[in-house]
Protein backbone atom coordinates (compact mmCIF):
# COMPACT_ATOMS: atom_id res chain seq x y z
CA MET A 1 -19.82 -18.19 2.33
CA LYS A 2 -18.14 -17.16 5.71
CA PHE A 3 -16.16 -13.95 5.16
CA ASN A 4 -12.66 -14.61 4.73
CA PHE A 5 -9.91 -11.69 5.61
CA PHE A 6 -6.45 -12.11 6.31
CA GLY A 7 -4.83 -10.36 9.02
CA ASN A 8 -5.82 -7.67 11.78
CA GLU A 9 -7.89 -10.25 13.56
CA LYS A 10 -9.14 -7.95 16.42
CA ILE A 11 -10.82 -5.42 14.05
CA VAL A 12 -12.61 -8.41 11.99
CA HIS A 13 -13.85 -9.59 15.55
CA TYR A 14 -15.30 -6.34 16.30
CA PHE A 15 -17.37 -5.92 13.62
CA GLU A 16 -18.53 -9.71 13.76
CA ARG A 17 -19.73 -8.75 17.15
CA LEU A 18 -21.41 -5.48 15.79
CA LEU A 19 -23.08 -7.43 13.12
CA GLU A 20 -24.33 -10.15 15.47
CA LYS A 21 -25.89 -7.07 17.82
CA GLY A 22 -27.17 -5.22 14.88
CA GLU A 23 -26.23 -1.88 16.48
CA PHE A 24 -23.47 0.45 14.91
CA PRO A 25 -21.87 3.60 15.72
CA PRO A 26 -22.34 6.21 12.70
CA ALA A 27 -18.83 6.52 11.58
CA PHE A 28 -15.70 4.64 11.25
CA LEU A 29 -12.10 5.77 9.97
CA PHE A 30 -10.12 2.83 8.77
CA CYS A 31 -6.45 3.75 8.19
CA GLY A 32 -3.22 2.37 7.07
CA ARG A 33 -1.04 1.95 4.48
CA ASP A 34 -2.60 0.61 1.01
CA GLY A 35 -3.24 -3.06 0.50
CA LEU A 36 -4.28 -4.00 3.85
CA GLY A 37 -7.89 -4.69 2.75
CA LYS A 38 -9.44 -1.31 4.54
CA PHE A 39 -12.15 -0.92 1.55
CA TYR A 40 -12.31 -4.51 1.04
CA LEU A 41 -13.53 -4.72 4.53
CA ALA A 42 -16.21 -1.85 4.53
CA LYS A 43 -17.47 -3.42 1.48
CA SER A 44 -17.81 -6.59 2.87
CA ILE A 45 -19.49 -5.28 6.09
CA ALA A 46 -21.88 -3.74 3.56
CA LYS A 47 -22.81 -7.12 2.02
CA ALA A 48 -23.02 -8.73 5.72
CA ILE A 49 -25.60 -5.95 6.46
CA ASN A 50 -27.66 -6.44 3.60
CA CYS A 51 -27.01 -10.20 2.28
CA LEU A 52 -30.43 -11.84 1.65
CA GLU A 53 -29.09 -15.18 3.18
CA ASN A 54 -27.43 -13.78 6.21
CA LYS A 55 -29.65 -14.63 9.30
CA GLY A 56 -27.60 -12.71 11.81
CA SER A 57 -24.40 -14.97 11.26
CA GLY A 58 -22.11 -12.31 11.89
CA LEU A 59 -19.69 -11.27 8.98
CA PHE A 60 -21.06 -13.33 6.69
CA PHE A 61 -22.38 -12.87 2.92
CA CYS A 62 -23.37 -15.35 0.41
CA GLY A 63 -21.82 -13.46 -2.69
CA GLU A 64 -24.36 -14.63 -4.80
CA CYS A 65 -27.84 -13.01 -4.18
CA LYS A 66 -29.05 -9.75 -5.84
CA ASN A 67 -27.65 -7.95 -2.85
CA CYS A 68 -24.16 -9.10 -2.68
CA LYS A 69 -23.96 -8.78 -6.46
CA ARG A 70 -25.12 -5.09 -6.58
CA ILE A 71 -22.91 -4.18 -3.78
CA GLU A 72 -20.07 -5.67 -5.55
CA ASP A 73 -20.62 -3.53 -8.44
CA GLU A 74 -21.57 -0.64 -6.43
CA SER A 75 -25.23 -0.34 -8.03
CA PHE A 76 -27.13 -0.77 -4.76
CA LEU A 77 -29.28 2.10 -4.02
CA ASP A 78 -28.27 2.37 -0.37
CA LEU A 79 -24.59 2.07 -0.94
CA THR A 80 -22.43 5.55 -2.14
CA VAL A 81 -18.95 5.15 -2.90
CA VAL A 82 -16.90 8.21 -3.06
CA ARG A 83 -13.55 8.43 -4.83
CA PRO A 84 -11.18 11.46 -5.58
CA GLU A 85 -12.00 13.12 -9.15
CA GLY A 86 -8.60 13.64 -10.25
CA ASN A 87 -6.64 15.16 -7.37
CA PHE A 88 -9.19 15.78 -4.64
CA ILE A 89 -12.56 14.83 -3.18
CA LYS A 90 -14.55 17.72 -4.52
CA ILE A 91 -17.24 19.62 -2.76
CA ASP A 92 -19.84 18.71 -5.14
CA GLN A 93 -19.29 15.34 -4.48
CA ILE A 94 -19.85 15.55 -0.84
CA ARG A 95 -22.79 17.59 -0.99
CA GLU A 96 -24.53 14.96 -3.05
CA VAL A 97 -23.52 12.66 0.06
CA VAL A 98 -25.24 14.94 2.38
CA LYS A 99 -28.32 15.13 0.27
CA LYS A 100 -28.59 11.39 0.25
CA CYS A 101 -28.10 11.13 3.96
CA SER A 102 -31.36 13.55 4.47
CA LEU A 103 -33.41 10.83 2.73
CA SER A 104 -34.38 7.15 3.97
CA PRO A 105 -32.96 4.28 3.09
CA PHE A 106 -34.79 2.83 -0.42
CA GLU A 107 -34.10 -1.33 -0.22
CA SER A 108 -32.10 -1.78 3.37
CA GLU A 109 -32.67 -0.52 7.17
CA LYS A 110 -28.90 1.20 6.86
CA ARG A 111 -27.75 3.79 4.21
CA ILE A 112 -23.87 3.08 3.58
CA ILE A 113 -21.57 5.58 2.60
CA ILE A 114 -17.68 4.65 1.55
CA ILE A 115 -15.27 7.60 1.04
CA ASP A 116 -12.24 6.29 -0.10
CA SER A 117 -9.14 8.38 -0.05
CA ALA A 118 -10.72 10.44 2.16
CA GLU A 119 -7.41 12.46 2.93
CA LYS A 120 -8.05 13.95 -0.45
CA MET A 121 -11.25 16.00 0.59
CA ASN A 122 -9.95 19.63 0.51
CA ARG A 123 -11.19 21.84 3.64
CA GLU A 124 -14.31 22.68 2.00
CA SER A 125 -15.43 19.45 1.13
CA ALA A 126 -13.94 18.03 4.67
CA ASN A 127 -16.28 20.82 6.28
CA SER A 128 -19.36 20.03 4.36
CA LEU A 129 -19.06 16.31 5.71
CA LEU A 130 -18.36 17.39 9.10
CA LYS A 131 -21.78 18.82 9.54
CA THR A 132 -23.41 15.72 8.83
CA LEU A 133 -21.07 13.90 11.09
CA GLU A 134 -21.83 16.08 14.01
CA GLU A 135 -25.63 15.20 13.62
CA PRO A 136 -25.49 11.74 11.79
CA PRO A 137 -28.62 10.37 10.98
CA GLU A 138 -30.04 7.01 12.50
CA ASP A 139 -30.12 5.05 9.56
CA VAL A 140 -26.24 6.17 7.94
CA ILE A 141 -23.20 4.50 8.47
CA PHE A 142 -19.92 6.26 7.04
CA PHE A 143 -16.63 4.27 6.44
CA LEU A 144 -13.88 6.87 6.03
CA ILE A 145 -10.83 5.33 4.15
CA THR A 146 -7.41 6.58 4.30
CA SER A 147 -3.62 5.56 4.07
CA LYS A 148 -2.74 9.00 5.67
CA LEU A 149 -4.39 9.77 8.82
CA SER A 150 -2.72 13.11 9.06
CA GLY A 151 -4.83 14.20 6.10
CA ILE A 152 -8.31 13.84 7.96
CA ILE A 153 -8.99 17.25 9.77
CA PRO A 154 -9.04 16.47 13.89
CA THR A 155 -12.65 17.58 13.92
CA ILE A 156 -13.76 14.36 11.61
CA ARG A 157 -11.46 12.13 13.17
CA SER A 158 -12.93 13.07 16.87
CA ARG A 159 -16.38 11.98 15.43
CA CYS A 160 -15.34 8.51 14.10
CA GLN A 161 -14.21 5.16 15.73
CA ILE A 162 -10.63 4.91 14.07
CA PHE A 163 -9.03 1.67 13.48
CA GLU A 164 -5.50 1.14 12.38
CA PHE A 165 -4.82 -1.55 10.27
CA LEU A 166 -1.33 -3.04 10.53
CA PRO A 167 0.71 -4.68 7.99
CA LEU A 168 1.39 -8.25 8.25
CA LYS A 169 4.21 -10.29 9.77
CA ASN A 170 6.34 -11.53 6.80
CA GLU A 171 6.01 -15.11 8.30
CA GLU A 172 2.14 -14.76 7.76
CA LEU A 173 2.10 -12.91 4.48
CA ALA A 174 4.89 -16.12 3.25
CA ARG A 175 1.86 -18.58 4.28
CA PHE A 176 -0.75 -16.55 2.53
CA LEU A 177 1.39 -15.99 -0.59
CA SER A 178 2.40 -19.50 -0.64
CA THR A 179 -1.05 -20.62 -0.62
CA LYS A 180 -2.38 -18.10 -3.20
CA LYS A 181 0.44 -18.56 -5.91
CA ASN A 182 1.44 -22.12 -5.15
CA ILE A 183 4.99 -21.33 -4.13
CA PRO A 184 7.24 -23.06 -1.79
CA TYR A 185 7.13 -21.56 1.82
CA GLU A 186 10.93 -21.16 1.78
CA ASP A 187 10.72 -19.47 -1.45
CA ALA A 188 7.57 -17.26 -0.47
CA LEU A 189 9.65 -15.94 2.85
CA SER A 190 11.68 -14.12 0.50
CA TYR A 191 9.19 -12.68 -1.86
CA ALA A 192 6.73 -11.62 0.84
CA LEU A 193 9.30 -9.08 1.81
CA PHE A 194 8.69 -7.09 -1.22
CA LEU A 195 4.83 -7.07 -0.37
CA ASP A 196 5.64 -4.59 2.53
CA GLY A 197 3.14 -6.45 4.78
CA SER A 198 0.11 -5.58 2.43
CA PRO A 199 -1.72 -8.85 1.39
CA GLY A 200 -3.69 -6.86 -1.14
CA LYS A 201 -0.13 -6.79 -2.95
CA ILE A 202 -0.57 -10.21 -3.77
CA VAL A 203 -2.83 -9.25 -6.64
CA ASP A 204 0.21 -7.62 -8.78
CA PHE A 205 2.77 -10.06 -7.48
CA ASP A 206 5.07 -10.96 -10.29
CA ARG A 207 7.77 -13.09 -9.55
CA LYS A 208 9.54 -12.05 -13.20
CA GLU A 209 9.19 -8.66 -12.42
CA ILE A 210 10.81 -8.71 -8.86
CA HIS A 211 14.05 -10.87 -10.75
CA SER A 212 14.05 -8.04 -13.12
CA PHE A 213 14.43 -5.32 -10.76
CA GLN A 214 16.87 -7.14 -8.72
CA ASN A 215 18.95 -7.65 -11.79
CA LYS A 216 18.64 -3.87 -12.89
CA THR A 217 19.79 -2.70 -9.44
CA LEU A 218 22.83 -4.86 -9.17
CA THR A 219 23.66 -4.20 -12.70
CA PHE A 220 23.47 -0.73 -12.35
CA LEU A 221 25.72 -1.02 -9.06
CA GLU A 222 28.29 -3.31 -10.81
CA ILE A 223 28.62 -0.70 -13.90
CA CYS A 224 29.18 2.17 -11.14
CA LEU A 225 31.97 0.33 -9.40
CA ASP A 226 33.57 -1.06 -12.57
CA ASN A 227 35.37 1.11 -15.22
CA ASN A 228 35.40 -2.11 -17.71
CA TYR A 229 31.63 -1.49 -18.45
CA PRO A 230 31.03 0.98 -21.61
CA LEU A 231 29.36 4.05 -21.25
CA TYR A 232 26.09 2.73 -22.85
CA SER A 233 25.82 -0.16 -20.70
CA ILE A 234 24.46 2.24 -18.05
CA ARG A 235 22.68 4.39 -20.29
CA GLY A 236 20.57 1.32 -21.58
CA ILE A 237 19.51 1.05 -17.94
CA ILE A 238 18.49 4.46 -16.99
CA GLU A 239 16.55 4.50 -20.41
CA SER A 240 14.80 1.45 -19.61
CA VAL A 241 13.54 2.63 -15.81
CA CYS A 242 12.91 6.15 -16.80
CA VAL A 243 10.25 5.59 -19.30
CA LYS A 244 7.40 5.48 -16.69
CA GLU A 245 7.36 7.26 -13.27
CA GLU A 246 6.21 3.85 -11.42
CA VAL A 247 9.09 1.91 -13.47
CA PHE A 248 11.31 4.48 -11.91
CA ASP A 249 10.11 4.58 -8.47
CA LYS A 250 10.31 0.51 -8.25
CA PHE A 251 13.71 0.80 -9.50
CA LEU A 252 14.47 3.18 -6.44
CA LYS A 253 12.53 1.17 -4.18
CA PHE A 254 14.61 -1.98 -5.14
CA PHE A 255 17.89 0.02 -4.98
CA PHE A 256 16.98 0.96 -1.44
CA TYR A 257 16.45 -2.64 -0.74
CA LEU A 258 19.89 -3.51 -2.26
CA LEU A 259 21.61 -1.12 -0.10
CA ARG A 260 20.14 -2.31 2.97
CA ASP A 261 20.93 -5.90 2.16
CA ILE A 262 24.56 -4.83 1.59
CA LEU A 263 24.57 -3.12 5.19
CA VAL A 264 23.02 -6.37 6.44
CA VAL A 265 25.63 -8.43 5.11
CA LYS A 266 28.38 -6.12 6.18
CA THR A 267 27.28 -6.05 9.65
CA ARG A 268 27.55 -10.16 9.35
CA LEU A 269 23.87 -10.29 10.81
CA SER A 270 21.49 -13.13 9.67
CA ASN A 271 20.95 -13.60 5.96
CA VAL A 272 17.32 -14.43 7.03
CA GLY A 273 15.23 -11.72 5.95
CA LEU A 274 17.52 -10.27 2.93
CA TYR A 275 15.41 -9.02 -0.21
CA TYR A 276 18.24 -10.24 -2.40
CA LEU A 277 18.83 -13.62 -0.86
CA ASN A 278 18.56 -15.43 -4.10
CA GLU A 279 21.38 -13.08 -5.11
CA LEU A 280 23.54 -13.33 -2.08
CA GLU A 281 26.91 -13.95 -3.84
CA ARG A 282 26.64 -10.51 -5.68
CA VAL A 283 25.59 -9.01 -2.59
CA VAL A 284 28.43 -10.16 -0.78
CA PHE A 285 30.71 -9.21 -3.47
CA PHE A 286 29.41 -5.21 -2.97
CA ALA A 287 29.64 -5.88 0.83
CA GLU A 288 33.47 -6.42 0.25
CA ARG A 289 34.09 -3.57 -1.72
CA LEU A 290 31.80 -0.78 -0.11
CA ASN A 291 32.74 0.70 3.11
CA PHE A 292 30.13 1.68 5.59
CA GLU A 293 30.82 5.47 5.15
CA ARG A 294 30.15 5.13 1.20
CA LEU A 295 26.57 3.20 1.57
CA PHE A 296 25.62 5.99 3.91
CA GLU A 297 26.30 8.52 1.67
CA ILE A 298 24.89 6.74 -1.28
CA SER A 299 21.67 6.39 0.84
CA PHE A 300 21.30 9.69 1.57
CA LYS A 301 21.35 10.71 -2.12
CA LEU A 302 18.41 8.48 -2.32
CA PHE A 303 16.95 10.19 0.60
CA ASP A 304 17.52 13.64 -0.68
CA TYR A 305 15.74 12.69 -4.02
CA GLU A 306 12.59 11.51 -2.31
CA GLU A 307 12.32 14.72 -0.07
CA ASN A 308 12.63 16.80 -2.99
CA ARG A 309 10.29 15.37 -5.65
CA ASP A 310 8.27 18.54 -5.53
CA LEU A 311 11.07 20.05 -7.53
CA ASN A 312 10.28 18.00 -10.50
CA LEU A 313 13.65 16.81 -10.78
CA LYS A 314 14.36 14.88 -14.07
CA ARG A 315 14.55 11.47 -13.21
CA ASP A 316 17.30 10.57 -15.92
CA LEU A 317 19.27 13.44 -14.57
CA PHE A 318 19.37 12.34 -11.01
CA LEU A 319 20.22 8.76 -12.05
CA TRP A 320 23.13 10.06 -14.41
CA ASN A 321 24.40 12.05 -11.16
CA LEU A 322 23.99 8.89 -8.91
CA PHE A 323 25.99 6.95 -11.38
CA PHE A 324 28.71 9.48 -11.18
CA PHE A 325 28.53 9.96 -7.61
CA ILE A 326 29.02 6.02 -6.78
CA LYS A 327 31.71 5.66 -9.88
CA SER A 328 33.88 8.07 -8.03
CA GLU A 329 36.60 5.75 -6.35
CA ARG A 330 36.76 7.41 -3.00
CA ASP A 331 36.04 5.14 -0.14
CA VAL A 332 35.67 2.11 -2.66
CA GLU A 333 37.75 -1.17 -1.34
CA GLY A 334 39.07 -3.41 -3.92
CA TYR A 335 38.99 -1.47 -6.99
CA GLU A 336 42.42 0.20 -8.36
């Protein structure tokens, strides 16, 4: 099958030309946010190099031959994939890579090393890898994958060809989402905003989850601003979103989206590009009652929490503080 990659066409075309020529530099560094296909592209290049059905056709692999299948499940002898063990890529993992690089490939003309989350190499691991990159074997190709380029030491960066993967425009992602999930394009335009330009996030795309977090954040803000709600109403929301860190993180992210949409509506800008377009009436309601100063104060509370996460602040305590902060009626329009 012809390789199918969505977005970052210039990078894909570059590797198509390399594959047609059969000539590769020793090391590549793929950087960019998660979900843009960096690891997928590296593995696809490994398949294209080793596919038994590829007759020099560029970035092509059949996906069915024994080499393609073994590369997919990472059992191919001349493919090594390194991932963090715990929080770091350890020195022993890199030493094993260095050892393999000293050997000739077993099944292929090229040995391929993919180091995922390469920014998690500690100093010792990075220095060990650096020695190999300084004098790379001719039959080895390195792919370093990272979402944090600054986490790669400069001496390693200087020995790699760096490719920055860019997020997709919302219209591009909406077309992809519409096709993959059979969603009308107009609806996909709104949903695509939640994917942050990353087609890889479509795998975990869940409309029900989006609507659930929208409703939780909207209700949270409504309770903060309306004294008619009993206190146990907010307790239920706080307890439900603080059970797991990943749920709490999504709640904060959606709350940022909500504040952003309120500001957009308040400035009378176009409604295009609103995360909460399907809840526009409720967003307008908040925009009429919260002035700019108050919105910025609430936003700064969220930013402050994100910047101080290392202090291990309790999630539920933060939300209770946020609740009482917003509930103070200072600078709130329309409430008595």
